[in-house]
């Protein structure tokens, strides 16, 4: 599976406020731990002061990421950016191959 850095941003503060209760329910109900096959969340961090955040995850493909995050985009006006990334070990190995 590929490592990804995923960032999100709310299109407006109204969208962020609207989604807050749904997010609390998502986490407290345990739904946030019901991950689909081909997706593993490693960490997530929220920066509510500007309506953004970051997820570090592994996914089998970008289409899996769309399945994971698409409903949040549709319901709450969030934009998502996916960037493939390397672990430190992978990066060091790549440099040594030169």
PDB file of N, CA and C in Angstrom:
ATOM      1  N   UNK A   1       0.839  -1.185   0.000  1.00  0.00           N
ATOM      2  CA  UNK A   1       0.000   0.000   0.000  1.00  0.00           C
ATOM      3  C   UNK A   1       0.880   1.243   0.000  1.00  0.00           C
ATOM      4  N   UNK A   2       0.377   2.295  -0.589  1.00  0.00           N
ATOM      5  CA  UNK A   2       1.084   3.559  -0.719  1.00  0.00           C
ATOM      6  C   UNK A   2       0.789   4.455   0.485  1.00  0.00           C
ATOM      7  N   UNK A   3       1.827   5.124   0.964  1.00  0.00           N
ATOM      8  CA  UNK A   3       1.666   6.130   2.007  1.00  0.00           C
ATOM      9  C   UNK A   3       1.157   7.416   1.360  1.00  0.00           C
ATOM     10  N   UNK A   4       0.198   8.077   1.995  1.00  0.00           N
ATOM     11  CA  UNK A   4      -0.347   9.343   1.495  1.00  0.00           C
ATOM     12  C   UNK A   4      -0.400  10.375   2.611  1.00  0.00           C
ATOM     13  N   UNK A   5      -0.207  11.622   2.220  1.00  0.00           N
ATOM     14  CA  UNK A   5      -0.500  12.772   3.063  1.00  0.00           C
ATOM     15  C   UNK A   5      -1.779  13.361   2.469  1.00  0.00           C
ATOM     16  N   UNK A   6      -2.820  13.417   3.267  1.00  0.00           N
ATOM     17  CA  UNK A   6      -4.115  13.915   2.803  1.00  0.00           C
ATOM     18  C   UNK A   6      -4.420  15.184   3.593  1.00  0.00           C
ATOM     19  N   UNK A   7      -4.726  16.255   2.884  1.00  0.00           N
ATOM     20  CA  UNK A   7      -5.108  17.490   3.551  1.00  0.00           C
ATOM     21  C   UNK A   7      -6.551  17.825   3.188  1.00  0.00           C
ATOM     22  N   UNK A   8      -7.237  18.473   4.102  1.00  0.00           N
ATOM     23  CA  UNK A   8      -8.601  18.913   3.822  1.00  0.00           C
ATOM     24  C   UNK A   8      -8.768  20.355   4.216  1.00  0.00           C
ATOM     25  N   UNK A   9      -9.779  20.944   3.598  1.00  0.00           N
ATOM     26  CA  UNK A   9     -10.124  22.328   3.907  1.00  0.00           C
ATOM     27  C   UNK A   9     -11.627  22.494   3.716  1.00  0.00           C
ATOM     28  N   UNK A  10     -12.245  23.176   4.656  1.00  0.00           N
ATOM     29  CA  UNK A  10     -13.649  23.522   4.502  1.00  0.00           C
ATOM     30  C   UNK A  10     -13.746  24.739   3.589  1.00  0.00           C
ATOM     31  N   UNK A  11     -14.759  24.733   2.743  1.00  0.00           N
ATOM     32  CA  UNK A  11     -14.938  25.859   1.827  1.00  0.00           C
ATOM     33  C   UNK A  11     -15.418  27.110   2.557  1.00  0.00           C
ATOM     34  N   UNK A  12     -16.063  26.924   3.723  1.00  0.00           N
ATOM     35  CA  UNK A  12     -16.513  28.081   4.504  1.00  0.00           C
ATOM     36  C   UNK A  12     -16.590  27.695   5.980  1.00  0.00           C
ATOM     37  N   UNK A  13     -16.612  28.712   6.824  1.00  0.00           N
ATOM     38  CA  UNK A  13     -16.746  28.440   8.260  1.00  0.00           C
ATOM     39  C   UNK A  13     -18.136  27.880   8.560  1.00  0.00           C
ATOM     40  N   UNK A  14     -19.123  28.249   7.763  1.00  0.00           N
ATOM     41  CA  UNK A  14     -20.468  27.678   7.943  1.00  0.00           C
ATOM     42  C   UNK A  14     -20.444  26.169   7.712  1.00  0.00           C
ATOM     43  N   UNK A  15     -19.730  25.732   6.665  1.00  0.00           N
ATOM     44  CA  UNK A  15     -19.607  24.292   6.401  1.00  0.00           C
ATOM     45  C   UNK A  15     -18.918  23.588   7.565  1.00  0.00           C
ATOM     46  N   UNK A  16     -17.875  24.207   8.100  1.00  0.00           N
ATOM     47  CA  UNK A  16     -17.155  23.627   9.230  1.00  0.00           C
ATOM     48  C   UNK A  16     -18.068  23.506  10.445  1.00  0.00           C
ATOM     49  N   UNK A  17     -18.803  24.548  10.749  1.00  0.00           N
ATOM     50  CA  UNK A  17     -19.718  24.511  11.890  1.00  0.00           C
ATOM     51  C   UNK A  17     -20.801  23.458  11.697  1.00  0.00           C
ATOM     52  N   UNK A  18     -21.333  23.374  10.482  1.00  0.00           N
ATOM     53  CA  UNK A  18     -22.390  22.419  10.165  1.00  0.00           C
ATOM     54  C   UNK A  18     -21.919  20.981  10.369  1.00  0.00           C
ATOM     55  N   UNK A  19     -20.663  20.707  10.066  1.00  0.00           N
ATOM     56  CA  UNK A  19     -20.150  19.336  10.148  1.00  0.00           C
ATOM     57  C   UNK A  19     -19.716  18.931  11.558  1.00  0.00           C
ATOM     58  N   UNK A  20     -19.561  19.867  12.461  1.00  0.00           N
ATOM     59  CA  UNK A  20     -18.973  19.581  13.778  1.00  0.00           C
ATOM     60  C   UNK A  20     -19.721  18.499  14.544  1.00  0.00           C
ATOM     61  N   UNK A  21     -21.038  18.604  14.636  1.00  0.00           N
ATOM     62  CA  UNK A  21     -21.800  17.594  15.378  1.00  0.00           C
ATOM     63  C   UNK A  21     -21.707  16.229  14.714  1.00  0.00           C
ATOM     64  N   UNK A  22     -21.735  16.212  13.377  1.00  0.00           N
ATOM     65  CA  UNK A  22     -21.611  14.942  12.654  1.00  0.00           C
ATOM     66  C   UNK A  22     -20.255  14.308  12.925  1.00  0.00           C
ATOM     67  N   UNK A  23     -19.210  15.123  13.020  1.00  0.00           N
ATOM     68  CA  UNK A  23     -17.884  14.584  13.279  1.00  0.00           C
ATOM     69  C   UNK A  23     -17.792  14.000  14.684  1.00  0.00           C
ATOM     70  N   UNK A  24     -18.347  14.701  15.662  1.00  0.00           N
ATOM     71  CA  UNK A  24     -18.347  14.178  17.034  1.00  0.00           C
ATOM     72  C   UNK A  24     -19.065  12.831  17.068  1.00  0.00           C
ATOM     73  N   UNK A  25     -20.209  12.744  16.426  1.00  0.00           N
ATOM     74  CA  UNK A  25     -20.949  11.484  16.357  1.00  0.00           C
ATOM     75  C   UNK A  25     -20.129  10.403  15.656  1.00  0.00           C
ATOM     76  N   UNK A  26     -19.457  10.762  14.576  1.00  0.00           N
ATOM     77  CA  UNK A  26     -18.612   9.835  13.816  1.00  0.00           C
ATOM     78  C   UNK A  26     -17.541   9.217  14.716  1.00  0.00           C
ATOM     79  N   UNK A  27     -16.911  10.026  15.535  1.00  0.00           N
ATOM     80  CA  UNK A  27     -15.844   9.536  16.414  1.00  0.00           C
ATOM     81  C   UNK A  27     -16.421   8.779  17.612  1.00  0.00           C
ATOM     82  N   UNK A  28     -17.384   9.379  18.312  1.00  0.00           N
ATOM     83  CA  UNK A  28     -17.901   8.777  19.540  1.00  0.00           C
ATOM     84  C   UNK A  28     -18.689   7.494  19.292  1.00  0.00           C
ATOM     85  N   UNK A  29     -19.265   7.346  18.118  1.00  0.00           N
ATOM     86  CA  UNK A  29     -20.014   6.123  17.801  1.00  0.00           C
ATOM     87  C   UNK A  29     -19.098   4.967  17.403  1.00  0.00           C
ATOM     88  N   UNK A  30     -17.810   5.270  17.185  1.00  0.00           N
ATOM     89  CA  UNK A  30     -16.870   4.236  16.752  1.00  0.00           C
ATOM     90  C   UNK A  30     -16.799   4.077  15.244  1.00  0.00           C
ATOM     91  N   UNK A  31     -17.629   4.820  14.503  1.00  0.00           N
ATOM     92  CA  UNK A  31     -17.614   4.717  13.038  1.00  0.00           C
ATOM     93  C   UNK A  31     -16.261   5.113  12.456  1.00  0.00           C
ATOM     94  N   UNK A  32     -15.536   5.980  13.143  1.00  0.00           N
ATOM     95  CA  UNK A  32     -14.234   6.421  12.629  1.00  0.00           C
ATOM     96  C   UNK A  32     -13.211   5.289  12.617  1.00  0.00           C
ATOM     97  N   UNK A  33     -13.504   4.221  13.346  1.00  0.00           N
ATOM     98  CA  UNK A  33     -12.603   3.066  13.368  1.00  0.00           C
ATOM     99  C   UNK A  33     -13.040   1.974  12.393  1.00  0.00           C
ATOM    100  N   UNK A  34     -14.201   2.137  11.758  1.00  0.00           N
ATOM    101  CA  UNK A  34     -14.684   1.186  10.754  1.00  0.00           C
ATOM    102  C   UNK A  34     -14.073   1.548   9.409  1.00  0.00           C
ATOM    103  N   UNK A  35     -12.853   1.117   9.177  1.00  0.00           N
ATOM    104  CA  UNK A  35     -12.122   1.485   7.971  1.00  0.00           C
ATOM    105  C   UNK A  35     -12.362   0.450   6.870  1.00  0.00           C
ATOM    106  N   UNK A  36     -12.379   0.910   5.644  1.00  0.00           N
ATOM    107  CA  UNK A  36     -12.617   0.005   4.526  1.00  0.00           C
ATOM    108  C   UNK A  36     -11.329  -0.728   4.155  1.00  0.00           C
ATOM    109  N   UNK A  37     -11.481  -1.875   3.506  1.00  0.00           N
ATOM    110  CA  UNK A  37     -10.314  -2.623   3.045  1.00  0.00           C
ATOM    111  C   UNK A  37      -9.484  -1.760   2.106  1.00  0.00           C
ATOM    112  N   UNK A  38      -8.183  -1.810   2.283  1.00  0.00           N
ATOM    113  CA  UNK A  38      -7.287  -1.035   1.435  1.00  0.00           C
ATOM    114  C   UNK A  38      -6.991   0.348   1.969  1.00  0.00           C
ATOM    115  N   UNK A  39      -7.425   0.630   3.218  1.00  0.00           N
ATOM    116  CA  UNK A  39      -7.180   1.930   3.833  1.00  0.00           C
ATOM    117  C   UNK A  39      -6.775   1.745   5.286  1.00  0.00           C
ATOM    118  N   UNK A  40      -5.704   2.433   5.675  1.00  0.00           N
ATOM    119  CA  UNK A  40      -5.231   2.416   7.062  1.00  0.00           C
ATOM    120  C   UNK A  40      -4.878   3.840   7.470  1.00  0.00           C
ATOM    121  N   UNK A  41      -5.572   4.384   8.451  1.00  0.00           N
ATOM    122  CA  UNK A  41      -5.254   5.718   8.961  1.00  0.00           C
ATOM    123  C   UNK A  41      -4.140   5.584   9.987  1.00  0.00           C
ATOM    124  N   UNK A  42      -3.083   6.320   9.811  1.00  0.00           N
ATOM    125  CA  UNK A  42      -1.955   6.298  10.740  1.00  0.00           C
ATOM    126  C   UNK A  42      -2.108   7.410  11.776  1.00  0.00           C
ATOM    127  N   UNK A  43      -2.447   8.597  11.301  1.00  0.00           N
ATOM    128  CA  UNK A  43      -2.632   9.740  12.210  1.00  0.00           C
ATOM    129  C   UNK A  43      -3.515  10.774  11.535  1.00  0.00           C
ATOM    130  N   UNK A  44      -4.189  11.578  12.351  1.00  0.00           N
ATOM    131  CA  UNK A  44      -4.911  12.728  11.822  1.00  0.00           C
ATOM    132  C   UNK A  44      -4.784  13.870  12.797  1.00  0.00           C
ATOM    133  N   UNK A  45      -4.729  15.056  12.248  1.00  0.00           N
ATOM    134  CA  UNK A  45      -4.581  16.265  13.060  1.00  0.00           C
ATOM    135  C   UNK A  45      -5.513  17.334  12.504  1.00  0.00           C
ATOM    136  N   UNK A  46      -6.104  18.082  13.420  1.00  0.00           N
ATOM    137  CA  UNK A  46      -7.102  19.084  13.060  1.00  0.00           C
ATOM    138  C   UNK A  46      -6.587  20.469  13.417  1.00  0.00           C
ATOM    139  N   UNK A  47      -6.779  21.410  12.508  1.00  0.00           N
ATOM    140  CA  UNK A  47      -6.448  22.803  12.781  1.00  0.00           C
ATOM    141  C   UNK A  47      -7.725  23.621  12.573  1.00  0.00           C
ATOM    142  N   UNK A  48      -8.617  23.583  13.580  1.00  0.00           N
ATOM    143  CA  UNK A  48      -9.927  24.211  13.427  1.00  0.00           C
ATOM    144  C   UNK A  48      -9.878  25.728  13.269  1.00  0.00           C
ATOM    145  N   UNK A  49      -8.792  26.352  13.700  1.00  0.00           N
ATOM    146  CA  UNK A  49      -8.713  27.803  13.584  1.00  0.00           C
ATOM    147  C   UNK A  49      -8.763  28.277  12.133  1.00  0.00           C
ATOM    148  N   UNK A  50      -8.374  27.403  11.186  1.00  0.00           N
ATOM    149  CA  UNK A  50      -8.477  27.798   9.777  1.00  0.00           C
ATOM    150  C   UNK A  50      -9.256  26.786   8.931  1.00  0.00           C
ATOM    151  N   UNK A  51      -9.919  25.830   9.589  1.00  0.00           N
ATOM    152  CA  UNK A  51     -10.771  24.886   8.879  1.00  0.00           C
ATOM    153  C   UNK A  51     -10.024  23.878   8.029  1.00  0.00           C
ATOM    154  N   UNK A  52      -8.827  23.490   8.481  1.00  0.00           N
ATOM    155  CA  UNK A  52      -8.020  22.531   7.730  1.00  0.00           C
ATOM    156  C   UNK A  52      -7.583  21.382   8.633  1.00  0.00           C
ATOM    157  N   UNK A  53      -6.951  20.400   8.016  1.00  0.00           N
ATOM    158  CA  UNK A  53      -6.393  19.291   8.764  1.00  0.00           C
ATOM    159  C   UNK A  53      -5.578  18.398   7.863  1.00  0.00           C
ATOM    160  N   UNK A  54      -4.924  17.415   8.483  1.00  0.00           N
ATOM    161  CA  UNK A  54      -4.025  16.506   7.779  1.00  0.00           C
ATOM    162  C   UNK A  54      -4.277  15.085   8.259  1.00  0.00           C
ATOM    163  N   UNK A  55      -4.262  14.156   7.323  1.00  0.00           N
ATOM    164  CA  UNK A  55      -4.323  12.736   7.643  1.00  0.00           C
ATOM    165  C   UNK A  55      -3.110  12.077   7.006  1.00  0.00           C
ATOM    166  N   UNK A  56      -2.430  11.255   7.771  1.00  0.00           N
ATOM    167  CA  UNK A  56      -1.381  10.396   7.228  1.00  0.00           C
ATOM    168  C   UNK A  56      -1.969   9.000   7.199  1.00  0.00           C
ATOM    169  N   UNK A  57      -1.924   8.392   6.031  1.00  0.00           N
ATOM    170  CA  UNK A  57      -2.571   7.094   5.876  1.00  0.00           C
ATOM    171  C   UNK A  57      -1.859   6.256   4.826  1.00  0.00           C
ATOM    172  N   UNK A  58      -2.261   5.006   4.744  1.00  0.00           N
ATOM    173  CA  UNK A  58      -1.857   4.120   3.665  1.00  0.00           C
ATOM    174  C   UNK A  58      -3.126   3.726   2.924  1.00  0.00           C
ATOM    175  N   UNK A  59      -3.008   3.655   1.611  1.00  0.00           N
ATOM    176  CA  UNK A  59      -4.163   3.253   0.811  1.00  0.00           C
ATOM    177  C   UNK A  59      -3.677   2.452  -0.386  1.00  0.00           C
ATOM    178  N   UNK A  60      -4.522   1.534  -0.805  1.00  0.00           N
ATOM    179  CA  UNK A  60      -4.198   0.706  -1.964  1.00  0.00           C
ATOM    180  C   UNK A  60      -4.200   1.532  -3.240  1.00  0.00           C
ATOM    181  N   UNK A  61      -4.987   2.612  -3.270  1.00  0.00           N
ATOM    182  CA  UNK A  61      -5.055   3.456  -4.459  1.00  0.00           C
ATOM    183  C   UNK A  61      -5.745   4.769  -4.114  1.00  0.00           C
ATOM    184  N   UNK A  62      -5.637   5.720  -5.026  1.00  0.00           N
ATOM    185  CA  UNK A  62      -6.326   6.993  -4.837  1.00  0.00           C
ATOM    186  C   UNK A  62      -7.842   6.801  -4.874  1.00  0.00           C
ATOM    187  N   UNK A  63      -8.315   5.808  -5.596  1.00  0.00           N
ATOM    188  CA  UNK A  63      -9.763   5.573  -5.640  1.00  0.00           C
ATOM    189  C   UNK A  63     -10.292   5.145  -4.267  1.00  0.00           C
ATOM    190  N   UNK A  64      -9.474   4.449  -3.498  1.00  0.00           N
ATOM    191  CA  UNK A  64      -9.866   4.101  -2.121  1.00  0.00           C
ATOM    192  C   UNK A  64     -10.020   5.379  -1.301  1.00  0.00           C
ATOM    193  N   UNK A  65      -9.111   6.326  -1.484  1.00  0.00           N
ATOM    194  CA  UNK A  65      -9.209   7.589  -0.747  1.00  0.00           C
ATOM    195  C   UNK A  65     -10.500   8.318  -1.103  1.00  0.00           C
ATOM    196  N   UNK A  66     -10.883   8.281  -2.367  1.00  0.00           N
ATOM    197  CA  UNK A  66     -12.142   8.908  -2.764  1.00  0.00           C
ATOM    198  C   UNK A  66     -13.321   8.248  -2.053  1.00  0.00           C
ATOM    199  N   UNK A  67     -13.266   6.931  -1.928  1.00  0.00           N
ATOM    200  CA  UNK A  67     -14.344   6.220  -1.219  1.00  0.00           C
ATOM    201  C   UNK A  67     -14.384   6.614   0.255  1.00  0.00           C
ATOM    202  N   UNK A  68     -13.230   6.793   0.856  1.00  0.00           N
ATOM    203  CA  UNK A  68     -13.167   7.139   2.281  1.00  0.00           C
ATOM    204  C   UNK A  68     -13.648   8.568   2.525  1.00  0.00           C
ATOM    205  N   UNK A  69     -13.220   9.513   1.682  1.00  0.00           N
ATOM    206  CA  UNK A  69     -13.460  10.927   1.953  1.00  0.00           C
ATOM    207  C   UNK A  69     -14.573  11.552   1.125  1.00  0.00           C
ATOM    208  N   UNK A  70     -15.050  10.875   0.107  1.00  0.00           N
ATOM    209  CA  UNK A  70     -16.028  11.458  -0.809  1.00  0.00           C
ATOM    210  C   UNK A  70     -17.306  11.932  -0.152  1.00  0.00           C
ATOM    211  N   UNK A  71     -17.826  11.166   0.805  1.00  0.00           N
ATOM    212  CA  UNK A  71     -19.091  11.570   1.426  1.00  0.00           C
ATOM    213  C   UNK A  71     -18.925  12.847   2.247  1.00  0.00           C
ATOM    214  N   UNK A  72     -17.745  13.055   2.833  1.00  0.00           N
ATOM    215  CA  UNK A  72     -17.506  14.291   3.584  1.00  0.00           C
ATOM    216  C   UNK A  72     -17.469  15.479   2.634  1.00  0.00           C
ATOM    217  N   UNK A  73     -16.921  15.281   1.463  1.00  0.00           N
ATOM    218  CA  UNK A  73     -16.909  16.348   0.452  1.00  0.00           C
ATOM    219  C   UNK A  73     -18.335  16.690   0.048  1.00  0.00           C
ATOM    220  N   UNK A  74     -19.112  15.650  -0.230  1.00  0.00           N
ATOM    221  CA  UNK A  74     -20.485  15.846  -0.692  1.00  0.00           C
ATOM    222  C   UNK A  74     -21.369  16.513   0.357  1.00  0.00           C
ATOM    223  N   UNK A  75     -21.240  16.081   1.605  1.00  0.00           N
ATOM    224  CA  UNK A  75     -22.144  16.558   2.657  1.00  0.00           C
ATOM    225  C   UNK A  75     -21.725  17.882   3.293  1.00  0.00           C
ATOM    226  N   UNK A  76     -20.401  18.124   3.359  1.00  0.00           N
ATOM    227  CA  UNK A  76     -19.946  19.237   4.199  1.00  0.00           C
ATOM    228  C   UNK A  76     -19.034  20.239   3.490  1.00  0.00           C
ATOM    229  N   UNK A  77     -18.993  20.217   2.187  1.00  0.00           N
ATOM    230  CA  UNK A  77     -18.240  21.234   1.461  1.00  0.00           C
ATOM    231  C   UNK A  77     -16.756  21.237   1.754  1.00  0.00           C
ATOM    232  N   UNK A  78     -16.167  20.054   1.825  1.00  0.00           N
ATOM    233  CA  UNK A  78     -14.734  19.954   2.099  1.00  0.00           C
ATOM    234  C   UNK A  78     -13.991  19.667   0.796  1.00  0.00           C
ATOM    235  N   UNK A  79     -12.820  20.248   0.667  1.00  0.00           N
ATOM    236  CA  UNK A  79     -11.953  19.889  -0.450  1.00  0.00           C
ATOM    237  C   UNK A  79     -10.802  19.060   0.097  1.00  0.00           C
ATOM    238  N   UNK A  80     -10.376  18.084  -0.698  1.00  0.00           N
ATOM    239  CA  UNK A  80      -9.352  17.133  -0.270  1.00  0.00           C
ATOM    240  C   UNK A  80      -8.220  17.113  -1.281  1.00  0.00           C
ATOM    241  N   UNK A  81      -6.997  16.986  -0.790  1.00  0.00           N
ATOM    242  CA  UNK A  81      -5.828  16.844  -1.656  1.00  0.00           C
ATOM    243  C   UNK A  81      -5.039  15.630  -1.182  1.00  0.00           C
ATOM    244  N   UNK A  82      -4.700  14.752  -2.117  1.00  0.00           N
ATOM    245  CA  UNK A  82      -3.947  13.533  -1.796  1.00  0.00           C
ATOM    246  C   UNK A  82      -2.553  13.648  -2.394  1.00  0.00           C
ATOM    247  N   UNK A  83      -1.535  13.394  -1.573  1.00  0.00           N
ATOM    248  CA  UNK A  83      -0.150  13.412  -2.049  1.00  0.00           C
ATOM    249  C   UNK A  83       0.519  12.102  -1.660  1.00  0.00           C
ATOM    250  N   UNK A  84       1.025  11.352  -2.646  1.00  0.00           N
ATOM    251  CA  UNK A  84       1.800  10.166  -2.289  1.00  0.00           C
ATOM    252  C   UNK A  84       3.060  10.607  -1.543  1.00  0.00           C
ATOM    253  N   UNK A  85       3.482   9.804  -0.594  1.00  0.00           N
ATOM    254  CA  UNK A  85       4.637  10.169   0.225  1.00  0.00           C
ATOM    255  C   UNK A  85       5.511   8.946   0.477  1.00  0.00           C
ATOM    256  N   UNK A  86       6.691   9.194   1.019  1.00  0.00           N
ATOM    257  CA  UNK A  86       7.641   8.146   1.392  1.00  0.00           C
ATOM    258  C   UNK A  86       7.905   8.220   2.891  1.00  0.00           C
ATOM    259  N   UNK A  87       8.104   7.073   3.507  1.00  0.00           N
ATOM    260  CA  UNK A  87       8.578   7.061   4.884  1.00  0.00           C
ATOM    261  C   UNK A  87      10.045   7.478   4.869  1.00  0.00           C
ATOM    262  N   UNK A  88      10.579   7.793   6.019  1.00  0.00           N
ATOM    263  CA  UNK A  88      11.995   8.142   6.097  1.00  0.00           C
ATOM    264  C   UNK A  88      12.858   6.984   5.599  1.00  0.00           C
ATOM    265  N   UNK A  89      12.487   5.773   5.985  1.00  0.00           N
ATOM    266  CA  UNK A  89      13.260   4.599   5.568  1.00  0.00           C
ATOM    267  C   UNK A  89      13.242   4.435   4.051  1.00  0.00           C
ATOM    268  N   UNK A  90      12.077   4.616   3.442  1.00  0.00           N
ATOM    269  CA  UNK A  90      11.981   4.516   1.983  1.00  0.00           C
ATOM    270  C   UNK A  90      12.800   5.600   1.297  1.00  0.00           C
ATOM    271  N   UNK A  91      12.768   6.803   1.840  1.00  0.00           N
ATOM    272  CA  UNK A  91      13.511   7.916   1.265  1.00  0.00           C
ATOM    273  C   UNK A  91      15.021   7.677   1.358  1.00  0.00           C
ATOM    274  N   UNK A  92      15.485   7.216   2.503  1.00  0.00           N
ATOM    275  CA  UNK A  92      16.914   6.930   2.675  1.00  0.00           C
ATOM    276  C   UNK A  92      17.343   5.839   1.710  1.00  0.00           C
ATOM    277  N   UNK A  93      16.549   4.798   1.585  1.00  0.00           N
ATOM    278  CA  UNK A  93      16.852   3.700   0.666  1.00  0.00           C
ATOM    279  C   UNK A  93      16.936   4.203  -0.780  1.00  0.00           C
ATOM    280  N   UNK A  94      16.028   5.055  -1.160  1.00  0.00           N
ATOM    281  CA  UNK A  94      16.013   5.611  -2.510  1.00  0.00           C
ATOM    282  C   UNK A  94      17.269   6.428  -2.780  1.00  0.00           C
ATOM    283  N   UNK A  95      17.681   7.226  -1.815  1.00  0.00           N
ATOM    284  CA  UNK A  95      18.895   8.038  -1.977  1.00  0.00           C
ATOM    285  C   UNK A  95      20.118   7.131  -2.100  1.00  0.00           C
ATOM    286  N   UNK A  96      20.173   6.074  -1.333  1.00  0.00           N
ATOM    287  CA  UNK A  96      21.313   5.163  -1.374  1.00  0.00           C
ATOM    288  C   UNK A  96      21.416   4.420  -2.689  1.00  0.00           C
ATOM    289  N   UNK A  97      20.312   4.258  -3.408  1.00  0.00           N
ATOM    290  CA  UNK A  97      20.325   3.547  -4.691  1.00  0.00           C
ATOM    291  C   UNK A  97      21.044   4.328  -5.778  1.00  0.00           C
ATOM    292  N   UNK A  98      21.224   5.614  -5.601  1.00  0.00           N
ATOM    293  CA  UNK A  98      21.869   6.461  -6.636  1.00  0.00           C
ATOM    294  C   UNK A  98      23.297   6.080  -6.837  1.00  0.00           C
TER     295      UNK A  98
END
